[in-house]
Amino acid sequence: MDVSSTPSTGSTNQVDVLKKAIDVKEQQVLKVLEGATQQSQQVTAQKTGMGNSLNITG
């Protein structure tokens, strides 16, 4: 039985679809993490009384 190292067209398309799905999910996770980071910073700013739009010019 010969084994070919070249994937068939069907499996190549499946791999491409899976890669795209992973990329999309990765972007969604990053957006959630960014939102959580912003919320955490706002809560910390409120607890410390520093606010989140402190503008100090010297």
N, C-alpha and C. Protein backbone atom coordinates (compact mmCIF):
# COMPACT_ATOMS: atom_id res chain seq x y z
N MET A 1 0.85 -1.19 0.00
CA MET A 1 0.00 0.00 0.00
C MET A 1 0.89 1.24 0.00
N ASP A 2 0.69 2.10 -0.95
CA ASP A 2 1.45 3.34 -1.03
C ASP A 2 0.78 4.42 -0.19
N VAL A 3 1.60 5.17 0.52
CA VAL A 3 1.08 6.27 1.33
C VAL A 3 1.57 7.57 0.71
N SER A 4 0.65 8.44 0.39
CA SER A 4 1.00 9.71 -0.24
C SER A 4 1.14 10.77 0.85
N SER A 5 2.16 11.60 0.72
CA SER A 5 2.36 12.68 1.68
C SER A 5 1.53 13.92 1.31
N THR A 6 0.96 13.91 0.14
CA THR A 6 0.13 15.03 -0.31
C THR A 6 -1.31 14.80 0.12
N PRO A 7 -1.87 15.70 0.92
CA PRO A 7 -3.25 15.51 1.36
C PRO A 7 -4.23 15.67 0.20
N SER A 8 -5.34 15.02 0.30
CA SER A 8 -6.35 15.17 -0.73
C SER A 8 -6.99 16.54 -0.63
N THR A 9 -7.67 16.95 -1.66
CA THR A 9 -8.30 18.27 -1.69
C THR A 9 -9.30 18.43 -0.57
N GLY A 10 -10.06 17.37 -0.29
CA GLY A 10 -11.07 17.45 0.76
C GLY A 10 -10.46 17.71 2.12
N SER A 11 -9.38 17.01 2.44
CA SER A 11 -8.76 17.22 3.76
C SER A 11 -8.07 18.57 3.83
N THR A 12 -7.54 19.05 2.70
CA THR A 12 -6.93 20.38 2.68
C THR A 12 -7.98 21.44 2.99
N ASN A 13 -9.16 21.31 2.39
CA ASN A 13 -10.23 22.27 2.64
C ASN A 13 -10.67 22.20 4.10
N GLN A 14 -10.71 21.01 4.66
CA GLN A 14 -11.11 20.87 6.07
C GLN A 14 -10.09 21.54 6.98
N VAL A 15 -8.82 21.37 6.67
CA VAL A 15 -7.77 22.00 7.47
C VAL A 15 -7.89 23.51 7.39
N ASP A 16 -8.13 24.04 6.20
CA ASP A 16 -8.28 25.49 6.03
C ASP A 16 -9.48 26.01 6.82
N VAL A 17 -10.57 25.27 6.78
CA VAL A 17 -11.77 25.67 7.52
C VAL A 17 -11.48 25.67 9.02
N LEU A 18 -10.79 24.62 9.49
CA LEU A 18 -10.47 24.55 10.92
C LEU A 18 -9.53 25.69 11.34
N LYS A 19 -8.55 25.98 10.49
CA LYS A 19 -7.63 27.09 10.81
C LYS A 19 -8.40 28.41 10.90
N LYS A 20 -9.32 28.64 9.98
CA LYS A 20 -10.12 29.87 9.99
C LYS A 20 -10.98 29.93 11.24
N ALA A 21 -11.58 28.80 11.60
CA ALA A 21 -12.42 28.76 12.80
C ALA A 21 -11.60 29.05 14.05
N ILE A 22 -10.39 28.52 14.10
CA ILE A 22 -9.52 28.77 15.25
C ILE A 22 -9.13 30.24 15.30
N ASP A 23 -8.82 30.83 14.14
CA ASP A 23 -8.46 32.26 14.10
C ASP A 23 -9.62 33.13 14.59
N VAL A 24 -10.83 32.80 14.15
CA VAL A 24 -12.00 33.58 14.56
C VAL A 24 -12.21 33.46 16.07
N LYS A 25 -12.11 32.23 16.58
CA LYS A 25 -12.29 32.01 18.02
C LYS A 25 -11.21 32.73 18.81
N GLU A 26 -9.98 32.73 18.30
CA GLU A 26 -8.88 33.42 18.96
C GLU A 26 -9.16 34.91 19.07
N GLN A 27 -9.67 35.50 17.99
CA GLN A 27 -10.00 36.93 18.01
C GLN A 27 -11.10 37.23 19.03
N GLN A 28 -12.10 36.32 19.12
CA GLN A 28 -13.17 36.51 20.09
C GLN A 28 -12.64 36.46 21.52
N VAL A 29 -11.75 35.53 21.78
CA VAL A 29 -11.17 35.40 23.12
C VAL A 29 -10.35 36.65 23.46
N LEU A 30 -9.58 37.15 22.49
CA LEU A 30 -8.78 38.34 22.74
C LEU A 30 -9.67 39.55 23.05
N LYS A 31 -10.80 39.68 22.38
CA LYS A 31 -11.72 40.78 22.65
C LYS A 31 -12.29 40.67 24.06
N VAL A 32 -12.62 39.45 24.47
CA VAL A 32 -13.14 39.24 25.83
C VAL A 32 -12.08 39.61 26.86
N LEU A 33 -10.85 39.19 26.62
CA LEU A 33 -9.77 39.50 27.55
C LEU A 33 -9.50 41.00 27.63
N GLU A 34 -9.55 41.67 26.49
CA GLU A 34 -9.36 43.12 26.48
C GLU A 34 -10.45 43.82 27.29
N GLY A 35 -11.68 43.36 27.10
CA GLY A 35 -12.79 43.93 27.85
C GLY A 35 -12.63 43.70 29.34
N ALA A 36 -12.20 42.51 29.73
CA ALA A 36 -12.01 42.20 31.14
C ALA A 36 -10.88 43.05 31.73
N THR A 37 -9.84 43.26 30.95
CA THR A 37 -8.72 44.09 31.42
C THR A 37 -9.18 45.53 31.64
N GLN A 38 -9.96 46.05 30.71
CA GLN A 38 -10.46 47.42 30.85
C GLN A 38 -11.37 47.55 32.07
N GLN A 39 -12.23 46.57 32.27
CA GLN A 39 -13.11 46.61 33.44
C GLN A 39 -12.31 46.55 34.72
N SER A 40 -11.30 45.72 34.75
CA SER A 40 -10.45 45.60 35.93
C SER A 40 -9.74 46.92 36.23
N GLN A 41 -9.25 47.57 35.19
CA GLN A 41 -8.57 48.85 35.37
C GLN A 41 -9.54 49.91 35.89
N GLN A 42 -10.77 49.89 35.39
CA GLN A 42 -11.76 50.87 35.85
C GLN A 42 -12.12 50.63 37.31
N VAL A 43 -12.28 49.38 37.68
CA VAL A 43 -12.61 49.06 39.07
C VAL A 43 -11.46 49.48 39.98
N THR A 44 -10.24 49.19 39.56
CA THR A 44 -9.07 49.58 40.36
C THR A 44 -9.00 51.09 40.50
N ALA A 45 -9.27 51.81 39.42
CA ALA A 45 -9.23 53.27 39.45
C ALA A 45 -10.30 53.81 40.40
N GLN A 46 -11.46 53.21 40.40
CA GLN A 46 -12.53 53.66 41.29
C GLN A 46 -12.18 53.37 42.75
N LYS A 47 -11.59 52.21 43.01
CA LYS A 47 -11.23 51.84 44.38
C LYS A 47 -10.13 52.74 44.93
N THR A 48 -9.18 53.13 44.09
CA THR A 48 -8.07 53.96 44.54
C THR A 48 -8.41 55.43 44.49
N GLY A 49 -9.52 55.78 43.85
CA GLY A 49 -9.90 57.18 43.74
C GLY A 49 -9.13 57.94 42.71
N MET A 50 -8.40 57.23 41.86
CA MET A 50 -7.56 57.91 40.87
C MET A 50 -8.35 58.24 39.59
N GLY A 51 -9.44 57.59 39.37
CA GLY A 51 -10.20 57.84 38.14
C GLY A 51 -9.48 57.23 36.94
N ASN A 52 -10.17 57.18 35.83
CA ASN A 52 -9.53 56.57 34.65
C ASN A 52 -9.19 57.58 33.57
N SER A 53 -9.35 58.87 33.86
CA SER A 53 -8.96 59.88 32.88
C SER A 53 -8.16 60.98 33.57
N LEU A 54 -7.17 60.56 34.31
CA LEU A 54 -6.31 61.50 35.03
C LEU A 54 -5.33 62.13 34.03
N ASN A 55 -5.31 63.45 33.99
CA ASN A 55 -4.44 64.15 33.05
C ASN A 55 -3.55 65.10 33.83
N ILE A 56 -2.29 64.74 33.93
CA ILE A 56 -1.35 65.58 34.68
C ILE A 56 -0.32 66.12 33.69
N THR A 57 -0.24 67.45 33.61
CA THR A 57 0.76 68.06 32.74
C THR A 57 1.75 68.82 33.60
N GLY A 58 3.00 68.78 33.17
CA GLY A 58 4.02 69.37 34.04
C GLY A 58 4.77 70.48 33.45
